[in-house]
C-alpha atoms as a PDB file:
ATOM      1  CA  UNK A   1     235.517  -7.441  10.851  1.00  0.00           C
ATOM      2  CA  UNK A   2     232.635  -7.519  13.402  1.00  0.00           C
ATOM      3  CA  UNK A   3     233.212  -7.836  16.940  1.00  0.00           C
ATOM      4  CA  UNK A   4     231.702 -11.258  16.881  1.00  0.00           C
ATOM      5  CA  UNK A   5     234.062 -12.390  13.941  1.00  0.00           C
ATOM      6  CA  UNK A   6     237.027 -11.119  15.989  1.00  0.00           C
ATOM      7  CA  UNK A   7     235.839 -12.922  19.048  1.00  0.00           C
ATOM      8  CA  UNK A   8     235.376 -16.081  17.121  1.00  0.00           C
ATOM      9  CA  UNK A   9     238.806 -15.778  15.534  1.00  0.00           C
ATOM     10  CA  UNK A  10     240.517 -15.251  18.951  1.00  0.00           C
ATOM     11  CA  UNK A  11     238.529 -18.075  20.727  1.00  0.00           C
ATOM     12  CA  UNK A  12     239.336 -20.522  17.875  1.00  0.00           C
ATOM     13  CA  UNK A  13     243.105 -19.667  18.145  1.00  0.00           C
ATOM     14  CA  UNK A  14     243.108 -19.808  21.816  1.00  0.00           C
ATOM     15  CA  UNK A  15     241.483 -23.211  22.049  1.00  0.00           C
ATOM     16  CA  UNK A  16     244.178 -24.653  19.746  1.00  0.00           C
ATOM     17  CA  UNK A  17     247.036 -23.449  21.893  1.00  0.00           C
ATOM     18  CA  UNK A  18     248.563 -25.975  24.379  1.00  0.00           C
ATOM     19  CA  UNK A  19     247.837 -25.196  28.098  1.00  0.00           C
ATOM     20  CA  UNK A  20     244.991 -22.758  27.236  1.00  0.00           C
ATOM     21  CA  UNK A  21     241.390 -23.151  27.968  1.00  0.00           C
ATOM     22  CA  UNK A  22     239.115 -20.147  26.997  1.00  0.00           C
ATOM     23  CA  UNK A  23     235.455 -19.611  26.599  1.00  0.00           C
ATOM     24  CA  UNK A  24     232.803 -16.871  25.718  1.00  0.00           C
ATOM     25  CA  UNK A  25     231.041 -15.247  28.716  1.00  0.00           C
ATOM     26  CA  UNK A  26     227.424 -13.996  27.957  1.00  0.00           C
ATOM     27  CA  UNK A  27     226.138 -11.491  30.616  1.00  0.00           C
ATOM     28  CA  UNK A  28     223.825  -9.481  28.214  1.00  0.00           C
ATOM     29  CA  UNK A  29     220.841 -11.408  29.236  1.00  0.00           C
ATOM     30  CA  UNK A  30     218.220 -13.240  27.286  1.00  0.00           C
ATOM     31  CA  UNK A  31     216.513 -11.521  24.226  1.00  0.00           C
ATOM     32  CA  UNK A  32     212.800 -11.240  24.705  1.00  0.00           C
ATOM     33  CA  UNK A  33     211.341 -10.867  21.041  1.00  0.00           C
ATOM     34  CA  UNK A  34     207.820 -10.162  22.352  1.00  0.00           C
ATOM     35  CA  UNK A  35     209.018  -7.086  24.045  1.00  0.00           C
ATOM     36  CA  UNK A  36     212.012  -6.418  21.899  1.00  0.00           C
ATOM     37  CA  UNK A  37     214.472  -6.113  24.624  1.00  0.00           C
ATOM     38  CA  UNK A  38     217.029  -8.058  26.515  1.00  0.00           C
ATOM     39  CA  UNK A  39     215.898  -9.264  29.907  1.00  0.00           C
ATOM     40  CA  UNK A  40     218.184  -8.456  32.758  1.00  0.00           C
ATOM     41  CA  UNK A  41     219.768 -11.333  34.605  1.00  0.00           C
ATOM     42  CA  UNK A  42     218.884 -10.615  38.166  1.00  0.00           C
ATOM     43  CA  UNK A  43     221.529 -13.118  39.540  1.00  0.00           C
ATOM     44  CA  UNK A  44     223.712 -11.154  42.077  1.00  0.00           C
ATOM     45  CA  UNK A  45     226.740 -13.136  41.341  1.00  0.00           C
ATOM     46  CA  UNK A  46     226.938 -11.995  37.712  1.00  0.00           C
ATOM     47  CA  UNK A  47     229.531  -9.216  37.577  1.00  0.00           C
ATOM     48  CA  UNK A  48     228.515  -6.186  35.443  1.00  0.00           C
ATOM     49  CA  UNK A  49     231.466  -5.560  32.841  1.00  0.00           C
ATOM     50  CA  UNK A  50     232.690  -9.169  32.872  1.00  0.00           C
ATOM     51  CA  UNK A  51     235.038  -9.521  29.957  1.00  0.00           C
ATOM     52  CA  UNK A  52     233.857 -11.318  26.650  1.00  0.00           C
ATOM     53  CA  UNK A  53     236.341 -14.140  27.009  1.00  0.00           C
ATOM     54  CA  UNK A  54     237.746 -15.726  30.066  1.00  0.00           C
ATOM     55  CA  UNK A  55     240.488 -18.262  30.248  1.00  0.00           C
ATOM     56  CA  UNK A  56     243.544 -20.148  31.699  1.00  0.00           C
ATOM     57  CA  UNK A  57     246.873 -20.114  30.479  1.00  0.00           C
ATOM     58  CA  UNK A  58     249.213 -22.657  32.112  1.00  0.00           C
ATOM     59  CA  UNK A  59     247.102 -22.134  35.122  1.00  0.00           C
ATOM     60  CA  UNK A  60     247.091 -18.285  35.062  1.00  0.00           C
ATOM     61  CA  UNK A  61     243.685 -16.556  34.825  1.00  0.00           C
ATOM     62  CA  UNK A  62     243.156 -14.041  32.041  1.00  0.00           C
ATOM     63  CA  UNK A  63     240.192 -12.093  30.470  1.00  0.00           C
ATOM     64  CA  UNK A  64     239.858 -10.274  27.129  1.00  0.00           C
ATOM     65  CA  UNK A  65     237.198  -7.656  26.254  1.00  0.00           C
ATOM     66  CA  UNK A  66     236.825  -7.611  22.416  1.00  0.00           C
ATOM     67  CA  UNK A  67     236.003  -4.397  20.614  1.00  0.00           C
ATOM     68  CA  UNK A  68     236.372  -3.300  16.905  1.00  0.00           C
ATOM     69  CA  UNK A  69     238.678  -0.505  16.391  1.00  0.00           C
ATOM     70  CA  UNK A  70     235.707   1.691  15.664  1.00  0.00           C
ATOM     71  CA  UNK A  71     234.162   0.781  18.918  1.00  0.00           C
ATOM     72  CA  UNK A  72     237.342   1.121  21.064  1.00  0.00           C
ATOM     73  CA  UNK A  73     236.066   4.115  22.819  1.00  0.00           C
ATOM     74  CA  UNK A  74     232.894   2.340  23.870  1.00  0.00           C
ATOM     75  CA  UNK A  75     234.672   0.268  26.556  1.00  0.00           C
ATOM     76  CA  UNK A  76     232.553   0.961  29.684  1.00  0.00           C
ATOM     77  CA  UNK A  77     233.694   1.864  33.176  1.00  0.00           C
ATOM     78  CA  UNK A  78     232.338  -1.600  34.363  1.00  0.00           C
ATOM     79  CA  UNK A  79     234.504  -3.368  31.857  1.00  0.00           C
ATOM     80  CA  UNK A  80     237.640  -1.459  32.635  1.00  0.00           C
ATOM     81  CA  UNK A  81     236.809  -2.094  36.504  1.00  0.00           C
ATOM     82  CA  UNK A  82     236.336  -5.846  35.841  1.00  0.00           C
ATOM     83  CA  UNK A  83     239.923  -5.996  34.082  1.00  0.00           C
ATOM     84  CA  UNK A  84     241.568  -3.937  36.826  1.00  0.00           C
ATOM     85  CA  UNK A  85     240.053  -6.298  39.374  1.00  0.00           C
ATOM     86  CA  UNK A  86     241.412  -9.270  37.713  1.00  0.00           C
ATOM     87  CA  UNK A  87     244.905  -7.589  37.351  1.00  0.00           C
ATOM     88  CA  UNK A  88     244.587  -6.702  41.096  1.00  0.00           C
ATOM     89  CA  UNK A  89     244.316 -10.327  42.008  1.00  0.00           C
ATOM     90  CA  UNK A  90     247.161 -11.681  40.022  1.00  0.00           C
ATOM     91  CA  UNK A  91     245.486 -12.369  36.626  1.00  0.00           C
ATOM     92  CA  UNK A  92     245.917 -10.650  33.361  1.00  0.00           C
ATOM     93  CA  UNK A  93     243.436  -8.704  31.275  1.00  0.00           C
ATOM     94  CA  UNK A  94     243.146  -6.591  28.228  1.00  0.00           C
ATOM     95  CA  UNK A  95     241.044  -5.029  25.570  1.00  0.00           C
ATOM     96  CA  UNK A  96     241.663  -6.565  22.215  1.00  0.00           C
ATOM     97  CA  UNK A  97     240.790  -5.294  18.701  1.00  0.00           C
ATOM     98  CA  UNK A  98     242.668  -8.176  16.753  1.00  0.00           C
ATOM     99  CA  UNK A  99     244.026 -11.673  17.127  1.00  0.00           C
ATOM    100  CA  UNK A 100     247.568 -10.412  16.768  1.00  0.00           C
ATOM    101  CA  UNK A 101     247.226  -8.376  19.965  1.00  0.00           C
ATOM    102  CA  UNK A 102     246.005 -11.499  21.757  1.00  0.00           C
ATOM    103  CA  UNK A 103     248.876 -13.696  20.465  1.00  0.00           C
ATOM    104  CA  UNK A 104     251.277 -11.067  22.073  1.00  0.00           C
ATOM    105  CA  UNK A 105     249.312 -10.992  25.269  1.00  0.00           C
ATOM    106  CA  UNK A 106     249.394 -14.736  25.504  1.00  0.00           C
ATOM    107  CA  UNK A 107     253.111 -14.674  24.793  1.00  0.00           C
ATOM    108  CA  UNK A 108     253.694 -12.333  27.573  1.00  0.00           C
ATOM    109  CA  UNK A 109     251.608 -14.582  29.983  1.00  0.00           C
ATOM    110  CA  UNK A 110     253.705 -17.541  29.084  1.00  0.00           C
ATOM    111  CA  UNK A 111     256.787 -15.636  29.858  1.00  0.00           C
ATOM    112  CA  UNK A 112     255.692 -14.926  33.230  1.00  0.00           C
ATOM    113  CA  UNK A 113     253.818 -18.064  34.066  1.00  0.00           C
ATOM    114  CA  UNK A 114     255.790 -21.218  32.915  1.00  0.00           C
ATOM    115  CA  UNK A 115     253.842 -24.237  32.057  1.00  0.00           C
ATOM    116  CA  UNK A 116     252.221 -26.137  34.836  1.00  0.00           C
ATOM    117  CA  UNK A 117     251.171 -29.020  32.630  1.00  0.00           C
ATOM    118  CA  UNK A 118     251.246 -32.419  34.007  1.00  0.00           C
END
């Protein structure tokens, strides 16, 4: 599976779970076909290394960086730093290569953060 396929599988599953809202974050920039490059986004509030998926599980923030097993070594220092910042502020973060890992991750969040649903 490609990273995009894994990401789509994870996002589809997450958004069918009660108490979860999750979405894709695109910080790569906009592709400029004339120049053949991605134009950098100059907004100072975009964090380099932001995880691919951001979400809430029963009010608890989480982030997921998606990689294929063959690209697992390509997690950047910025991506690791972003996940560590999230964890340091009470959220949860992980690097995932499969839906099964995310299912276990969400289960662990639910154990720690009971439902706050109205």
